[in-house]
Structures are given as structure tokens and as C-alpha cells.
């Protein structure tokens, strides 16, 4: 049996704020914007990395509970960047916006160099360089 991970769905309190966050910080593109009949016409969006729209997406669903993840909960979404400088740049912007939760840090392989920020729904999002996945692998 062949199995492929195709998407993660986030049920968020503020769809518009999360859409803005993931397009700005993670450079994801809006690939589907729909209002299904069975969901009372509520907007549901699909986001993907350019060129990977057929491989993996993040689905954002509206009107979810605001999670506000605990500081000692290291659950997160992870995005790889092309350099340490790119990680530093994201961390600086996040610090200015008051959403930096893990300052930039270098860890031994396979963790690499990373920072963590909080999305508008309270989920942690890691930006890294030097992991054995994505750019910088």
C-alpha cells in the first residue's frame, strides 16, 4: 500500500489573518478559494508552495477555536529556508511584530539553525536552515 501525505488542515479562529501570515512569512500561494454549500458558505482556502501545488497543501478552515499554544509545547509547522540570513530576517520581522517565540539558535544535525514564531491562531511555526529537508539540505 502506497501512502502520501498530501495536506494539513488548520481550523483557525481568524482565516484572513492566517491567510495573510502564511502568504507573507512562508511565501505560500493561494491556490484554491472556495465556499462549499455544506459549510454555510464559509470561506475555505488552500495554500501551497509554488510548484508543489499537486504535492502538499495547507487547508485553512474558518471559525475554529483559538489555540494559543503553550510555551512548552513544541508542536509546530516547519519551513526550510535557503540560508541562515533568511532565518535571521524572518526572526527580526517576527520580533518587531511581537510574535517571535524561539530566538535564532544553532543546534547539532539534523536540527540546524532555526527560529520559531507564532501564527495569528497561536500555532508555532519554525523557519530553519541546514536540516536534511528542503533548501539547505
N, C-alpha and C. Protein backbone atom coordinates (compact mmCIF):
# COMPACT_ATOMS: atom_id res chain seq x y z
N UNK A 1 0.85 -1.18 0.00
CA UNK A 1 0.00 0.00 0.00
C UNK A 1 0.89 1.24 0.00
N UNK A 2 0.66 2.13 -0.97
CA UNK A 2 1.40 3.38 -1.05
C UNK A 2 0.57 4.48 -0.38
N UNK A 3 1.19 5.24 0.50
CA UNK A 3 0.52 6.33 1.20
C UNK A 3 1.33 7.61 1.00
N UNK A 4 0.66 8.72 0.75
CA UNK A 4 1.33 10.02 0.59
C UNK A 4 0.66 11.05 1.49
N UNK A 5 1.45 11.80 2.22
CA UNK A 5 0.94 12.92 3.00
C UNK A 5 0.66 14.05 2.01
N UNK A 6 -0.59 14.50 1.93
CA UNK A 6 -0.99 15.49 0.94
C UNK A 6 -1.35 16.86 1.51
N UNK A 7 -1.80 16.89 2.78
CA UNK A 7 -2.19 18.18 3.33
C UNK A 7 -2.30 18.14 4.85
N UNK A 8 -2.31 19.32 5.40
CA UNK A 8 -2.63 19.54 6.81
C UNK A 8 -3.73 20.59 6.80
N UNK A 9 -4.75 20.38 7.62
CA UNK A 9 -5.84 21.34 7.73
C UNK A 9 -5.76 22.03 9.08
N UNK A 10 -5.79 23.34 9.06
CA UNK A 10 -5.78 24.13 10.28
C UNK A 10 -7.15 24.79 10.43
N UNK A 11 -7.83 24.49 11.52
CA UNK A 11 -9.11 25.11 11.83
C UNK A 11 -8.79 26.32 12.70
N UNK A 12 -8.91 27.51 12.14
CA UNK A 12 -8.41 28.72 12.80
C UNK A 12 -9.54 29.69 13.16
N UNK A 13 -9.29 30.51 14.13
CA UNK A 13 -10.28 31.50 14.56
C UNK A 13 -10.41 32.63 13.54
N UNK A 14 -9.30 33.07 12.96
CA UNK A 14 -9.31 34.21 12.02
C UNK A 14 -8.66 33.80 10.71
N UNK A 15 -9.47 33.36 9.76
CA UNK A 15 -8.96 32.89 8.47
C UNK A 15 -8.16 33.97 7.76
N UNK A 16 -8.67 35.19 7.70
CA UNK A 16 -7.98 36.26 6.97
C UNK A 16 -6.60 36.55 7.55
N UNK A 17 -6.48 36.59 8.87
CA UNK A 17 -5.18 36.86 9.50
C UNK A 17 -4.20 35.73 9.21
N UNK A 18 -4.67 34.49 9.25
CA UNK A 18 -3.79 33.34 8.97
C UNK A 18 -3.40 33.29 7.50
N UNK A 19 -4.33 33.62 6.62
CA UNK A 19 -4.01 33.69 5.19
C UNK A 19 -2.91 34.72 4.95
N UNK A 20 -3.05 35.89 5.54
CA UNK A 20 -2.03 36.93 5.41
C UNK A 20 -0.69 36.45 5.97
N UNK A 21 -0.72 35.83 7.14
CA UNK A 21 0.51 35.35 7.79
C UNK A 21 1.25 34.35 6.90
N UNK A 22 0.57 33.31 6.43
CA UNK A 22 1.24 32.25 5.68
C UNK A 22 1.67 32.70 4.28
N UNK A 23 0.99 33.68 3.70
CA UNK A 23 1.45 34.19 2.42
C UNK A 23 2.66 35.12 2.61
N UNK A 24 2.66 35.90 3.68
CA UNK A 24 3.79 36.81 3.93
C UNK A 24 5.02 36.09 4.46
N UNK A 25 4.87 35.32 5.53
CA UNK A 25 6.01 34.70 6.19
C UNK A 25 6.51 33.45 5.47
N UNK A 26 5.61 32.59 5.01
CA UNK A 26 6.03 31.31 4.41
C UNK A 26 6.00 31.35 2.89
N UNK A 27 5.62 32.49 2.32
CA UNK A 27 5.59 32.66 0.87
C UNK A 27 4.72 31.62 0.18
N UNK A 28 3.65 31.19 0.87
CA UNK A 28 2.72 30.25 0.26
C UNK A 28 1.76 31.01 -0.65
N UNK A 29 1.28 30.33 -1.67
CA UNK A 29 0.34 30.94 -2.62
C UNK A 29 -1.06 30.39 -2.40
N UNK A 30 -2.03 31.24 -2.58
CA UNK A 30 -3.42 30.84 -2.52
C UNK A 30 -3.73 30.08 -3.81
N UNK A 31 -4.06 28.79 -3.69
CA UNK A 31 -4.33 28.00 -4.90
C UNK A 31 -5.80 27.62 -5.04
N UNK A 32 -6.56 27.70 -3.98
CA UNK A 32 -7.99 27.42 -4.06
C UNK A 32 -8.69 28.25 -2.99
N UNK A 33 -9.76 28.88 -3.39
CA UNK A 33 -10.54 29.74 -2.51
C UNK A 33 -11.99 29.35 -2.74
N UNK A 34 -12.60 28.69 -1.77
CA UNK A 34 -13.94 28.17 -2.02
C UNK A 34 -14.88 28.40 -0.85
N UNK A 35 -16.13 28.36 -1.18
CA UNK A 35 -17.22 28.47 -0.20
C UNK A 35 -18.17 27.30 -0.43
N UNK A 36 -17.90 26.16 0.18
CA UNK A 36 -18.75 24.99 -0.07
C UNK A 36 -20.16 25.19 0.47
N UNK A 37 -21.11 24.56 -0.20
CA UNK A 37 -22.53 24.68 0.18
C UNK A 37 -22.78 24.16 1.59
N UNK A 38 -22.16 23.03 1.96
CA UNK A 38 -22.40 22.40 3.25
C UNK A 38 -21.78 23.13 4.42
N UNK A 39 -20.96 24.12 4.17
CA UNK A 39 -20.28 24.84 5.26
C UNK A 39 -20.86 26.23 5.46
N UNK A 40 -22.15 26.40 5.14
CA UNK A 40 -22.84 27.69 5.30
C UNK A 40 -22.15 28.81 4.53
N UNK A 41 -21.51 28.48 3.42
CA UNK A 41 -20.85 29.48 2.60
C UNK A 41 -19.58 30.04 3.18
N UNK A 42 -19.06 29.43 4.25
CA UNK A 42 -17.83 29.93 4.86
C UNK A 42 -16.64 29.69 3.94
N UNK A 43 -15.75 30.61 3.90
CA UNK A 43 -14.57 30.55 3.04
C UNK A 43 -13.57 29.53 3.55
N UNK A 44 -13.08 28.69 2.65
CA UNK A 44 -12.01 27.72 2.94
C UNK A 44 -10.93 27.94 1.90
N UNK A 45 -9.68 28.07 2.34
CA UNK A 45 -8.59 28.32 1.39
C UNK A 45 -7.55 27.21 1.44
N UNK A 46 -6.94 26.99 0.29
CA UNK A 46 -5.83 26.05 0.17
C UNK A 46 -4.58 26.85 -0.18
N UNK A 47 -3.49 26.57 0.51
CA UNK A 47 -2.22 27.25 0.28
C UNK A 47 -1.16 26.22 -0.09
N UNK A 48 -0.23 26.62 -0.96
CA UNK A 48 0.84 25.71 -1.34
C UNK A 48 2.08 26.50 -1.73
N UNK A 49 3.19 25.79 -1.70
CA UNK A 49 4.44 26.30 -2.23
C UNK A 49 4.33 26.33 -3.75
N UNK A 50 4.82 27.38 -4.37
CA UNK A 50 4.81 27.45 -5.83
C UNK A 50 5.54 26.24 -6.41
N UNK A 51 4.89 25.57 -7.35
CA UNK A 51 5.46 24.40 -7.99
C UNK A 51 5.15 23.10 -7.27
N UNK A 52 4.56 23.17 -6.09
CA UNK A 52 4.25 21.96 -5.32
C UNK A 52 2.76 21.84 -5.02
N UNK A 53 1.97 22.52 -5.82
CA UNK A 53 0.52 22.55 -5.61
C UNK A 53 -0.13 21.18 -5.70
N UNK A 54 0.49 20.25 -6.40
CA UNK A 54 -0.05 18.90 -6.56
C UNK A 54 0.52 17.93 -5.52
N UNK A 55 1.45 18.42 -4.67
CA UNK A 55 2.13 17.54 -3.73
C UNK A 55 1.68 17.70 -2.28
N UNK A 56 1.62 18.95 -1.82
CA UNK A 56 1.29 19.19 -0.42
C UNK A 56 0.69 20.57 -0.25
N UNK A 57 -0.40 20.64 0.52
CA UNK A 57 -1.07 21.92 0.75
C UNK A 57 -1.41 22.08 2.23
N UNK A 58 -1.68 23.31 2.60
CA UNK A 58 -2.25 23.62 3.91
C UNK A 58 -3.65 24.15 3.64
N UNK A 59 -4.63 23.53 4.25
CA UNK A 59 -6.03 23.95 4.15
C UNK A 59 -6.33 24.78 5.39
N UNK A 60 -6.90 25.96 5.19
CA UNK A 60 -7.27 26.80 6.33
C UNK A 60 -8.79 26.91 6.38
N UNK A 61 -9.33 26.44 7.50
CA UNK A 61 -10.77 26.41 7.73
C UNK A 61 -11.14 27.50 8.74
N UNK A 62 -12.25 28.19 8.53
CA UNK A 62 -12.62 29.31 9.41
C UNK A 62 -13.36 28.87 10.67
N UNK A 63 -13.45 29.82 11.59
CA UNK A 63 -14.28 29.71 12.80
C UNK A 63 -13.87 28.58 13.74
N UNK A 64 -12.59 28.34 13.84
CA UNK A 64 -12.09 27.33 14.77
C UNK A 64 -11.80 27.94 16.13
N UNK A 65 -11.44 27.08 17.08
CA UNK A 65 -11.08 27.60 18.41
C UNK A 65 -9.68 28.21 18.35
N UNK A 66 -9.49 29.34 18.98
CA UNK A 66 -8.16 29.96 19.03
C UNK A 66 -7.29 29.13 19.96
N UNK A 67 -6.20 28.59 19.45
CA UNK A 67 -5.43 27.60 20.20
C UNK A 67 -4.48 28.18 21.25
N UNK A 68 -3.78 29.24 20.90
CA UNK A 68 -2.79 29.83 21.80
C UNK A 68 -1.96 28.75 22.49
N UNK A 69 -1.11 28.15 21.70
CA UNK A 69 -0.23 27.05 22.11
C UNK A 69 0.63 27.43 23.31
N UNK A 70 0.77 26.52 24.25
CA UNK A 70 1.58 26.76 25.45
C UNK A 70 3.06 26.86 25.08
N UNK A 71 3.79 27.69 25.80
CA UNK A 71 5.21 27.93 25.51
C UNK A 71 6.05 26.65 25.55
N UNK A 72 5.67 25.66 26.36
CA UNK A 72 6.46 24.43 26.47
C UNK A 72 5.95 23.33 25.54
N UNK A 73 5.05 23.67 24.62
CA UNK A 73 4.53 22.74 23.61
C UNK A 73 5.30 23.02 22.32
N UNK A 74 6.11 22.07 21.89
CA UNK A 74 6.96 22.30 20.73
C UNK A 74 6.35 21.77 19.43
N UNK A 75 5.03 21.51 19.43
CA UNK A 75 4.35 21.17 18.18
C UNK A 75 4.49 22.36 17.24
N UNK A 76 4.74 22.09 15.96
CA UNK A 76 4.91 23.20 15.04
C UNK A 76 4.84 22.74 13.59
N UNK A 77 4.65 23.71 12.71
CA UNK A 77 4.83 23.52 11.28
C UNK A 77 6.25 23.97 10.97
N UNK A 78 6.93 23.29 10.08
CA UNK A 78 8.31 23.64 9.77
C UNK A 78 8.51 24.02 8.32
N UNK A 79 9.20 25.14 8.10
CA UNK A 79 9.53 25.62 6.76
C UNK A 79 11.04 25.78 6.66
N UNK A 80 11.62 25.25 5.59
CA UNK A 80 13.05 25.37 5.36
C UNK A 80 13.33 26.62 4.52
N UNK A 81 14.41 27.29 4.85
CA UNK A 81 14.83 28.48 4.11
C UNK A 81 16.20 28.23 3.47
N UNK A 82 16.61 29.14 2.58
CA UNK A 82 17.83 28.93 1.80
C UNK A 82 19.11 29.36 2.49
N UNK A 83 19.02 30.02 3.65
CA UNK A 83 20.24 30.48 4.32
C UNK A 83 19.96 30.85 5.78
N UNK A 84 21.03 30.95 6.56
CA UNK A 84 20.89 31.44 7.94
C UNK A 84 20.39 32.87 7.94
N UNK A 85 20.85 33.66 6.97
CA UNK A 85 20.42 35.06 6.89
C UNK A 85 18.91 35.14 6.71
N UNK A 86 18.34 34.25 5.90
CA UNK A 86 16.89 34.25 5.71
C UNK A 86 16.17 33.95 7.02
N UNK A 87 16.72 33.04 7.82
CA UNK A 87 16.15 32.74 9.15
C UNK A 87 16.26 33.98 10.03
N UNK A 88 17.43 34.62 10.02
CA UNK A 88 17.62 35.85 10.81
C UNK A 88 16.62 36.93 10.40
N UNK A 89 16.41 37.08 9.09
CA UNK A 89 15.48 38.10 8.59
C UNK A 89 14.06 37.86 9.07
N UNK A 90 13.61 36.61 9.01
CA UNK A 90 12.26 36.26 9.49
C UNK A 90 12.15 36.56 10.99
N UNK A 91 13.19 36.18 11.75
CA UNK A 91 13.18 36.39 13.19
C UNK A 91 13.11 37.88 13.53
N UNK A 92 13.82 38.72 12.78
CA UNK A 92 13.79 40.17 13.03
C UNK A 92 12.39 40.74 12.80
N UNK A 93 11.76 40.32 11.70
CA UNK A 93 10.41 40.80 11.41
C UNK A 93 9.45 40.33 12.50
N UNK A 94 9.55 39.05 12.86
CA UNK A 94 8.67 38.49 13.90
C UNK A 94 8.87 39.19 15.24
N UNK A 95 10.12 39.50 15.59
CA UNK A 95 10.39 40.21 16.84
C UNK A 95 9.74 41.59 16.83
N UNK A 96 9.84 42.30 15.71
CA UNK A 96 9.21 43.62 15.59
C UNK A 96 7.69 43.51 15.73
N UNK A 97 7.12 42.42 15.24
CA UNK A 97 5.67 42.23 15.29
C UNK A 97 5.21 41.56 16.59
N UNK A 98 6.18 41.23 17.48
CA UNK A 98 5.85 40.66 18.79
C UNK A 98 5.40 39.20 18.74
N UNK A 99 5.84 38.45 17.73
CA UNK A 99 5.40 37.06 17.60
C UNK A 99 6.56 36.06 17.60
N UNK A 100 7.77 36.51 17.92
CA UNK A 100 8.92 35.60 18.00
C UNK A 100 8.83 34.80 19.29
N UNK A 101 8.83 33.46 19.20
CA UNK A 101 8.77 32.63 20.40
C UNK A 101 10.06 31.86 20.66
N UNK A 102 10.82 31.55 19.61
CA UNK A 102 12.13 30.91 19.77
C UNK A 102 13.14 31.75 19.01
N UNK A 103 14.01 32.45 19.70
CA UNK A 103 15.04 33.21 19.01
C UNK A 103 15.93 32.28 18.18
N UNK A 104 16.64 32.83 17.23
CA UNK A 104 17.52 32.03 16.37
C UNK A 104 18.51 31.25 17.22
N UNK A 105 18.68 30.00 16.84
CA UNK A 105 19.54 29.10 17.59
C UNK A 105 20.14 28.06 16.65
N UNK A 106 21.40 27.73 16.86
CA UNK A 106 22.08 26.67 16.10
C UNK A 106 22.09 25.41 16.95
N UNK A 107 21.58 24.31 16.38
CA UNK A 107 21.56 23.02 17.06
C UNK A 107 22.34 22.02 16.20
N UNK A 108 22.85 20.94 16.80
CA UNK A 108 23.56 19.92 16.01
C UNK A 108 22.63 19.28 14.97
N UNK A 109 23.23 18.72 13.95
CA UNK A 109 22.49 17.99 12.92
C UNK A 109 21.61 16.95 13.58
N UNK A 110 20.40 16.78 13.19
CA UNK A 110 19.73 17.26 11.99
C UNK A 110 18.89 18.52 12.18
N UNK A 111 18.96 19.16 13.35
CA UNK A 111 18.08 20.29 13.64
C UNK A 111 18.49 21.55 12.88
N UNK A 112 19.77 21.88 12.86
CA UNK A 112 20.23 23.05 12.13
C UNK A 112 19.97 24.36 12.85
N UNK A 113 19.87 25.42 12.07
CA UNK A 113 19.68 26.78 12.56
C UNK A 113 18.21 27.13 12.40
N UNK A 114 17.57 27.65 13.45
CA UNK A 114 16.13 27.88 13.37
C UNK A 114 15.67 28.99 14.30
N UNK A 115 14.45 29.44 14.02
CA UNK A 115 13.71 30.31 14.93
C UNK A 115 12.26 29.84 14.89
N UNK A 116 11.47 30.30 15.86
CA UNK A 116 10.06 29.95 15.89
C UNK A 116 9.22 31.19 16.10
N UNK A 117 8.12 31.25 15.38
CA UNK A 117 7.21 32.37 15.54
C UNK A 117 5.80 31.84 15.71
N UNK A 118 4.91 32.71 16.14
CA UNK A 118 3.53 32.33 16.43
C UNK A 118 2.62 32.88 15.33
N UNK A 119 1.80 32.01 14.75
CA UNK A 119 0.84 32.49 13.75
C UNK A 119 -0.33 33.17 14.47
N UNK A 120 -1.23 33.82 13.75
CA UNK A 120 -2.33 34.55 14.41
C UNK A 120 -3.25 33.68 15.26
N UNK A 121 -3.26 32.37 15.02
CA UNK A 121 -4.11 31.48 15.79
C UNK A 121 -3.38 30.89 17.00
N UNK A 122 -2.09 31.21 17.14
CA UNK A 122 -1.33 30.72 18.28
C UNK A 122 -0.51 29.48 18.00
N UNK A 123 -0.53 28.98 16.74
CA UNK A 123 0.31 27.83 16.38
C UNK A 123 1.76 28.27 16.20
N UNK A 124 2.69 27.43 16.61
CA UNK A 124 4.10 27.74 16.41
C UNK A 124 4.52 27.31 15.01
N UNK A 125 5.38 28.12 14.40
CA UNK A 125 5.88 27.87 13.06
C UNK A 125 7.40 28.05 13.10
N UNK A 126 8.11 27.01 12.68
CA UNK A 126 9.57 27.03 12.67
C UNK A 126 10.08 27.37 11.28
N UNK A 127 11.10 28.22 11.23
CA UNK A 127 11.82 28.52 10.00
C UNK A 127 13.27 28.10 10.23
N UNK A 128 13.79 27.24 9.34
CA UNK A 128 15.10 26.66 9.59
C UNK A 128 15.98 26.65 8.34
N UNK A 129 17.25 26.45 8.60
CA UNK A 129 18.25 26.25 7.55
C UNK A 129 19.19 25.14 8.02
N UNK A 130 19.56 24.23 7.11
CA UNK A 130 20.55 23.22 7.43
C UNK A 130 19.99 21.90 7.91
N UNK A 131 18.69 21.73 7.83
CA UNK A 131 18.11 20.42 8.13
C UNK A 131 18.23 19.54 6.88
N UNK A 132 18.08 18.24 7.02
CA UNK A 132 18.20 17.38 5.84
C UNK A 132 16.92 17.36 4.98
N UNK A 133 16.17 18.46 5.01
CA UNK A 133 14.94 18.60 4.24
C UNK A 133 14.91 19.98 3.60
N UNK A 134 14.41 20.09 2.39
CA UNK A 134 14.20 21.39 1.76
C UNK A 134 15.49 22.10 1.40
N UNK A 135 15.38 23.43 1.15
CA UNK A 135 16.57 24.21 0.80
C UNK A 135 17.63 24.10 1.91
N UNK A 136 18.85 24.07 1.53
CA UNK A 136 19.93 23.98 2.51
C UNK A 136 20.22 22.57 2.99
N UNK A 137 19.52 21.58 2.43
CA UNK A 137 19.75 20.18 2.84
C UNK A 137 21.10 19.68 2.36
